[in-house]
N, C-alpha and C. Protein backbone atom coordinates (compact mmCIF):
# COMPACT_ATOMS: atom_id res chain seq x y z
N UNK A 1 124.28 19.36 127.25
CA UNK A 1 124.80 20.65 126.94
C UNK A 1 125.54 21.20 128.16
N UNK A 2 126.80 21.59 127.97
CA UNK A 2 127.60 22.12 129.07
C UNK A 2 127.79 23.61 128.85
N UNK A 3 127.75 24.31 129.93
CA UNK A 3 128.00 25.76 129.85
C UNK A 3 129.23 26.08 130.68
N UNK A 4 129.97 26.97 130.19
CA UNK A 4 131.18 27.40 130.90
C UNK A 4 130.81 28.56 131.81
N UNK A 5 130.93 28.35 133.10
CA UNK A 5 130.50 29.37 134.06
C UNK A 5 131.46 30.56 134.07
N UNK A 6 132.72 30.34 133.71
CA UNK A 6 133.67 31.44 133.70
C UNK A 6 133.32 32.46 132.63
N UNK A 7 132.76 32.00 131.53
CA UNK A 7 132.39 32.92 130.47
C UNK A 7 131.07 33.62 130.75
N UNK A 8 130.23 33.02 131.57
CA UNK A 8 128.92 33.60 131.81
C UNK A 8 128.91 34.60 132.96
N UNK A 9 130.00 34.69 133.74
CA UNK A 9 130.04 35.64 134.85
C UNK A 9 130.36 37.04 134.33
N UNK A 10 129.74 38.03 134.92
CA UNK A 10 130.07 39.40 134.51
C UNK A 10 131.47 39.75 135.03
N UNK A 11 132.20 40.59 134.31
CA UNK A 11 133.54 40.95 134.77
C UNK A 11 133.48 41.75 136.08
N UNK A 12 134.43 41.50 136.92
CA UNK A 12 134.52 42.19 138.20
C UNK A 12 135.32 43.47 138.00
N UNK A 13 134.81 44.55 138.52
CA UNK A 13 135.52 45.82 138.40
C UNK A 13 136.75 45.78 139.29
N UNK A 14 137.88 46.10 138.71
CA UNK A 14 139.13 46.08 139.46
C UNK A 14 139.42 47.50 139.92
N UNK A 15 139.52 47.65 141.24
CA UNK A 15 139.85 48.96 141.78
C UNK A 15 141.35 49.19 141.67
N UNK A 16 141.75 50.30 141.10
CA UNK A 16 143.19 50.54 141.01
C UNK A 16 143.76 50.81 142.39
N UNK A 17 144.91 50.25 142.65
CA UNK A 17 145.61 50.49 143.90
C UNK A 17 146.42 51.77 143.73
N UNK A 18 145.97 52.82 144.36
CA UNK A 18 146.58 54.14 144.17
C UNK A 18 148.04 54.13 144.63
N UNK A 19 148.32 53.45 145.72
CA UNK A 19 149.70 53.39 146.21
C UNK A 19 150.63 52.71 145.23
N UNK A 20 150.18 51.59 144.66
CA UNK A 20 151.01 50.89 143.68
C UNK A 20 151.17 51.72 142.41
N UNK A 21 150.10 52.38 142.00
CA UNK A 21 150.18 53.21 140.80
C UNK A 21 151.16 54.36 141.00
N UNK A 22 151.09 55.00 142.16
CA UNK A 22 152.01 56.10 142.45
C UNK A 22 153.44 55.59 142.53
N UNK A 23 153.65 54.47 143.18
CA UNK A 23 155.00 53.90 143.27
C UNK A 23 155.53 53.54 141.89
N UNK A 24 154.67 52.99 141.04
CA UNK A 24 155.13 52.64 139.69
C UNK A 24 155.47 53.89 138.89
N UNK A 25 154.67 54.95 139.04
CA UNK A 25 154.94 56.18 138.31
C UNK A 25 156.25 56.82 138.75
N UNK A 26 156.50 56.79 140.06
CA UNK A 26 157.70 57.44 140.58
C UNK A 26 158.94 56.56 140.50
N UNK A 27 158.80 55.26 140.78
CA UNK A 27 159.95 54.38 140.90
C UNK A 27 159.92 53.26 139.87
N UNK A 28 159.18 53.41 138.77
CA UNK A 28 158.92 52.34 137.82
C UNK A 28 160.15 51.62 137.32
N UNK A 29 161.22 52.27 137.05
CA UNK A 29 162.44 51.63 136.58
C UNK A 29 163.62 52.18 137.35
N UNK A 30 164.77 51.57 137.14
CA UNK A 30 165.92 52.02 137.93
C UNK A 30 166.36 53.43 137.52
N UNK A 31 166.18 53.79 136.26
CA UNK A 31 166.57 55.14 135.84
C UNK A 31 165.55 56.16 136.29
N UNK A 32 164.28 55.79 136.27
CA UNK A 32 163.24 56.71 136.71
C UNK A 32 163.41 57.02 138.19
N UNK A 33 163.76 56.06 138.98
CA UNK A 33 163.96 56.28 140.42
C UNK A 33 165.14 57.23 140.65
N UNK A 34 166.20 57.05 139.89
CA UNK A 34 167.37 57.92 140.05
C UNK A 34 167.06 59.34 139.61
N UNK A 35 166.32 59.49 138.51
CA UNK A 35 165.93 60.82 138.06
C UNK A 35 165.02 61.51 139.07
N UNK A 36 164.09 60.75 139.62
CA UNK A 36 163.18 61.30 140.62
C UNK A 36 163.95 61.73 141.86
N UNK A 37 164.88 60.91 142.33
CA UNK A 37 165.68 61.26 143.51
C UNK A 37 166.52 62.51 143.23
N UNK A 38 167.11 62.58 142.04
CA UNK A 38 167.89 63.76 141.67
C UNK A 38 167.04 65.02 141.62
N UNK A 39 165.83 64.89 141.09
CA UNK A 39 164.92 66.05 141.04
C UNK A 39 164.54 66.50 142.44
N UNK A 40 164.30 65.55 143.33
CA UNK A 40 163.96 65.91 144.72
C UNK A 40 165.14 66.64 145.37
N UNK A 41 166.35 66.15 145.14
CA UNK A 41 167.53 66.81 145.72
C UNK A 41 167.66 68.23 145.20
N UNK A 42 167.47 68.42 143.89
CA UNK A 42 167.57 69.76 143.31
C UNK A 42 166.49 70.69 143.85
N UNK A 43 165.29 70.17 144.02
CA UNK A 43 164.20 71.00 144.55
C UNK A 43 164.47 71.40 145.99
N UNK A 44 164.93 70.45 146.81
CA UNK A 44 165.25 70.77 148.21
C UNK A 44 166.40 71.76 148.27
N UNK A 45 167.42 71.58 147.42
CA UNK A 45 168.56 72.50 147.37
C UNK A 45 168.06 73.91 147.01
N UNK A 46 167.26 74.03 145.96
CA UNK A 46 166.77 75.32 145.53
C UNK A 46 165.94 75.99 146.62
N UNK A 47 165.01 75.26 147.21
CA UNK A 47 164.17 75.84 148.25
C UNK A 47 164.98 76.21 149.49
N UNK A 48 165.95 75.38 149.84
CA UNK A 48 166.79 75.67 151.00
C UNK A 48 167.63 76.91 150.80
N UNK A 49 168.19 77.06 149.61
CA UNK A 49 169.02 78.24 149.33
C UNK A 49 168.15 79.49 149.30
N UNK A 50 166.97 79.37 148.70
CA UNK A 50 166.09 80.54 148.64
C UNK A 50 165.65 80.97 150.03
N UNK A 51 165.45 80.01 150.93
CA UNK A 51 164.92 80.33 152.25
C UNK A 51 166.00 80.73 153.26
N UNK A 52 167.17 80.09 153.21
CA UNK A 52 168.10 80.25 154.32
C UNK A 52 169.49 80.79 153.96
N UNK A 53 169.92 80.65 152.74
CA UNK A 53 171.32 80.95 152.41
C UNK A 53 171.50 82.40 151.99
N UNK A 54 172.72 82.92 152.22
CA UNK A 54 173.03 84.26 151.73
C UNK A 54 173.11 84.28 150.20
N UNK A 55 173.19 85.46 149.65
CA UNK A 55 173.10 85.64 148.20
C UNK A 55 174.26 85.00 147.43
N UNK A 56 175.42 84.81 148.07
CA UNK A 56 176.57 84.28 147.34
C UNK A 56 176.56 82.76 147.20
N UNK A 57 175.62 82.06 147.80
CA UNK A 57 175.53 80.60 147.69
C UNK A 57 174.87 80.26 146.36
N UNK A 58 175.44 79.28 145.65
CA UNK A 58 174.95 78.92 144.32
C UNK A 58 173.57 78.26 144.40
N UNK A 59 172.73 78.64 143.47
CA UNK A 59 171.41 78.05 143.34
C UNK A 59 171.41 77.12 142.13
N UNK A 60 170.66 76.04 142.16
CA UNK A 60 170.63 75.12 141.02
C UNK A 60 170.21 75.80 139.71
N UNK A 61 169.29 76.74 139.79
CA UNK A 61 168.85 77.42 138.58
C UNK A 61 169.99 78.25 138.00
N UNK A 62 170.73 78.93 138.86
CA UNK A 62 171.87 79.72 138.40
C UNK A 62 172.96 78.85 137.79
N UNK A 63 173.19 77.69 138.41
CA UNK A 63 174.18 76.75 137.87
C UNK A 63 173.74 76.26 136.50
N UNK A 64 172.46 75.97 136.37
CA UNK A 64 171.93 75.51 135.08
C UNK A 64 172.07 76.54 133.98
N UNK A 65 171.90 77.82 134.32
CA UNK A 65 172.02 78.87 133.32
C UNK A 65 173.42 78.96 132.72
N UNK A 66 174.45 78.74 133.53
CA UNK A 66 175.82 78.94 133.05
C UNK A 66 176.56 77.64 132.77
N UNK A 67 175.91 76.50 132.97
CA UNK A 67 176.59 75.20 132.88
C UNK A 67 177.26 75.00 131.53
N UNK A 68 176.54 75.15 130.44
CA UNK A 68 177.11 74.88 129.12
C UNK A 68 178.07 75.98 128.69
N UNK A 69 177.85 77.21 129.16
CA UNK A 69 178.81 78.28 128.86
C UNK A 69 180.16 77.98 129.49
N UNK A 70 180.14 77.50 130.72
CA UNK A 70 181.39 77.18 131.41
C UNK A 70 182.08 75.99 130.75
N UNK A 71 181.31 74.96 130.38
CA UNK A 71 181.92 73.80 129.74
C UNK A 71 182.57 74.14 128.40
N UNK A 72 182.05 75.11 127.70
CA UNK A 72 182.61 75.47 126.40
C UNK A 72 183.71 76.52 126.51
N UNK A 73 183.98 77.02 127.69
CA UNK A 73 185.02 78.03 127.89
C UNK A 73 186.41 77.39 127.80
N UNK A 74 187.29 77.93 126.95
CA UNK A 74 188.64 77.35 126.82
C UNK A 74 189.45 77.38 128.11
N UNK A 75 189.25 78.38 128.95
CA UNK A 75 189.97 78.44 130.22
C UNK A 75 189.58 77.27 131.11
N UNK A 76 188.29 76.96 131.17
CA UNK A 76 187.82 75.82 131.96
C UNK A 76 188.37 74.52 131.40
N UNK A 77 188.34 74.37 130.09
CA UNK A 77 188.84 73.14 129.47
C UNK A 77 190.32 72.94 129.75
N UNK A 78 191.09 74.03 129.70
CA UNK A 78 192.52 73.94 130.01
C UNK A 78 192.74 73.54 131.47
N UNK A 79 191.99 74.14 132.36
CA UNK A 79 192.12 73.82 133.79
C UNK A 79 191.69 72.38 134.06
N UNK A 80 190.64 71.93 133.40
CA UNK A 80 190.18 70.55 133.57
C UNK A 80 191.22 69.57 133.06
N UNK A 81 191.87 69.88 131.94
CA UNK A 81 192.92 69.02 131.40
C UNK A 81 194.13 68.99 132.34
N UNK A 82 194.49 70.14 132.90
CA UNK A 82 195.60 70.18 133.88
C UNK A 82 195.27 69.33 135.11
N UNK A 83 194.04 69.42 135.58
CA UNK A 83 193.63 68.64 136.74
C UNK A 83 193.65 67.15 136.43
N UNK A 84 193.14 66.76 135.27
CA UNK A 84 193.14 65.36 134.88
C UNK A 84 194.56 64.83 134.73
N UNK A 85 195.46 65.64 134.18
CA UNK A 85 196.86 65.24 134.06
C UNK A 85 197.48 65.02 135.44
N UNK A 86 197.22 65.92 136.38
CA UNK A 86 197.76 65.77 137.74
C UNK A 86 197.20 64.52 138.42
N UNK A 87 195.93 64.23 138.21
CA UNK A 87 195.33 63.03 138.81
C UNK A 87 195.98 61.78 138.24
N UNK A 88 196.18 61.74 136.94
CA UNK A 88 196.79 60.57 136.32
C UNK A 88 198.26 60.40 136.73
N UNK A 89 198.97 61.52 136.89
CA UNK A 89 200.35 61.43 137.39
C UNK A 89 200.38 60.88 138.81
N UNK A 90 199.48 61.36 139.65
CA UNK A 90 199.41 60.85 141.02
C UNK A 90 199.05 59.38 141.05
N UNK A 91 198.15 58.95 140.16
CA UNK A 91 197.79 57.55 140.09
C UNK A 91 198.98 56.70 139.66
N UNK A 92 199.75 57.18 138.69
CA UNK A 92 200.93 56.43 138.25
C UNK A 92 201.96 56.32 139.37
N UNK A 93 202.19 57.41 140.08
CA UNK A 93 203.14 57.39 141.20
C UNK A 93 202.67 56.41 142.28
N UNK A 94 201.37 56.46 142.61
CA UNK A 94 200.83 55.57 143.63
C UNK A 94 200.92 54.12 143.19
N UNK A 95 200.70 53.86 141.92
CA UNK A 95 200.77 52.50 141.40
C UNK A 95 202.19 51.94 141.51
N UNK A 96 203.16 52.74 141.10
CA UNK A 96 204.55 52.28 141.17
C UNK A 96 204.99 52.14 142.63
N UNK A 97 204.72 53.16 143.44
CA UNK A 97 205.15 53.11 144.83
C UNK A 97 204.43 51.99 145.58
N UNK A 98 203.14 51.80 145.33
CA UNK A 98 202.40 50.74 145.99
C UNK A 98 202.88 49.37 145.60
N UNK A 99 203.26 49.21 144.33
CA UNK A 99 203.78 47.92 143.88
C UNK A 99 205.11 47.62 144.54
N UNK A 100 205.99 48.63 144.63
CA UNK A 100 207.30 48.43 145.26
C UNK A 100 207.12 48.09 146.75
N UNK A 101 206.28 48.84 147.43
CA UNK A 101 206.06 48.58 148.86
C UNK A 101 205.41 47.20 149.06
N UNK A 102 204.45 46.86 148.19
CA UNK A 102 203.79 45.55 148.31
C UNK A 102 204.76 44.40 148.09
N UNK A 103 205.63 44.52 147.12
CA UNK A 103 206.64 43.46 146.87
C UNK A 103 207.60 43.38 148.05
N UNK A 104 208.03 44.55 148.58
CA UNK A 104 208.96 44.55 149.71
C UNK A 104 208.31 43.93 150.95
N UNK A 105 207.04 44.15 151.16
CA UNK A 105 206.36 43.57 152.32
C UNK A 105 206.14 42.07 152.16
N UNK A 106 206.02 41.64 150.93
CA UNK A 106 205.77 40.21 150.69
C UNK A 106 207.00 39.35 150.82
N UNK A 107 208.16 39.92 150.88
CA UNK A 107 209.41 39.12 150.97
C UNK A 107 209.75 38.79 152.37
C-alpha cells in the first residue's frame, strides 16, 4: 500500500506580500498605471494651487466644472476648427517646402 505524502500534508498558510499586492492594485495594468499617475498629478496640482497660487490660477476642480460646457460652446468649436485649419495649412506648406528643399539638396 502506497500513500501519497503530498496529499497527506496540511496546507501551508501563504502570507500575502503586502508590497506586491499594493503594486498590483496601483500598477496592475498599463491603463491602471496611467490613470493612477494622472490622478496623482491632478491631486498634486489641486493641492499646490490651493496652497501657493493666487486666485486667478486654474484649479483642476474648476476646469472639470466647465469642461463640457466649453466643449459644447459654438464659439469654442469655431475657434478650434480655425486652429485645426491653420495647423493643417502649415503642415501642407512644410511638406511641400521640405520636399522641394530635400530634392534640391539631394542633387
